[in-house]
């Protein structure tokens, strides 16, 4: 226990220094932008800006059917979102549709990522045949013009590269790089570890021209009877709900079972952390989780200090449980790596070494990625919002305020400098950090797509209504409501 306490203090001090460096721009603290899955490349789910309780929306815009894809915000204030019809939609800050592009290569389940130049990166996935899928990574301009696309390897009826994870973008002096984990992208051969019978899963790295500049094995899957992989059942769940959207019959609620069974469980998205120091310049840390055969989490250094940038594996962690489904990893500004599990177990790690520091059980499935401002950790289980301290202990908050009012959620919480927002099947809920200020827009029925917060404090949320989805915007300044 003393050793774990020492490790926590050490990484907190180190990451606080790194966070101060990355948050400063010409001496001024910048709130950043909510431009990727779960806010930023670390997946912190936090933006340093004041906001207000989400009560009455500024506007509501029909964007077409949305499954898991969550809104992200570009530097010009436009909002990007992927649909189950395979369209990338860009919405102006006033709620009008700026443009949309039909990718024509399947559906979009994941969240777009936006670079500082406005170009975005989005993954589509299509069903090739029964229980067999293939994904394509696309780059799109701010005007919805396609720049390039890359379809992952299609080796045979079993080995087809596919993913429901979201791409992550990291920018440096070496340019823009896009990171994406992919299942079944390579067939195992005699030189590979024989833990996997058929396909290997890899982490791909692209440059901004769409070229693959590195790919490394992160795990593997087993074939199941009838073809496909052992992840096919999850994608089949997602396909079922997508097929209901065009019929206008897509509904959500407890009567239809847990949301993760209705909508499927997504592949984990990586977390990227700039750990550049004087001793180790230009070596960002890349954390990727593979959950095809239980959790295998890997830490890589992204070696920008080499003539040809490459991934360098520095640690691997294999979970000793028999569980297969995990959230995406998140690395917070206090230096803590956190990941959640299908049985409600939350685990904290040292991201530099992969050493597990603590474990906590919240009692029910957690698909959502945890969020934090660097002290307390906010996470959604199926029926509750939980608050943990950075050492894994439960925080002292009013328990009655953490329940979802009979609703469910698999969406991740979004945290501003003064509020926590979480989308549920009974509305969009707002809580202050002390839980004394509470608000709920009960008309905002969601629980699948996660909210986003703009640098000026506007909250964006996706709801499902009448077989389609709407993007809603809530003002940065509103009168608090305490029910």
Foldseek 3Di string as FASTA:
>chain_A
DVVLVVLLQVLLVLLLVVVVVVQDDPRDGAQAFQFFQCRALQNQLETAAFFAWFADFLDKEFPWFAFQEFWTAAPQGWIWTFHQQQKIWIAHNNGHTQDIERPPAGGFHYYWGADNQQKIKGKHKHAPDQLAIWMKIWIAHNNRHTQDMDTADDPDQAQHKDFNYYWHWDQDPVAIKIKDKIASRDFDDPVDDPPEPTGFIWIFMAGPNGDTLEIDTQGYFYADPPHYTPQSQQVVLQVVLSVCLVVLRRDDWPVVPFPCSNRGFGAAYKHWAQSADPVRHQFIWIWHWAQRQATKIWIWTQCPVDPRTYTHTDDIDGDPDRFRGKAHWGAESSQWIWIAGQQQKIWIARSVYRHTSDIDGPGGGAREYWHDNNFWIWGFGFFWIFIAGPNGHGDDADRVLTGPVNWTANYGWRYYNFWIWFATQQFIKIAGPNRQFIHGHRVQGDRNYYWGAGSNHKIWDWGDDSSTIMITIGGRDDDTDGD
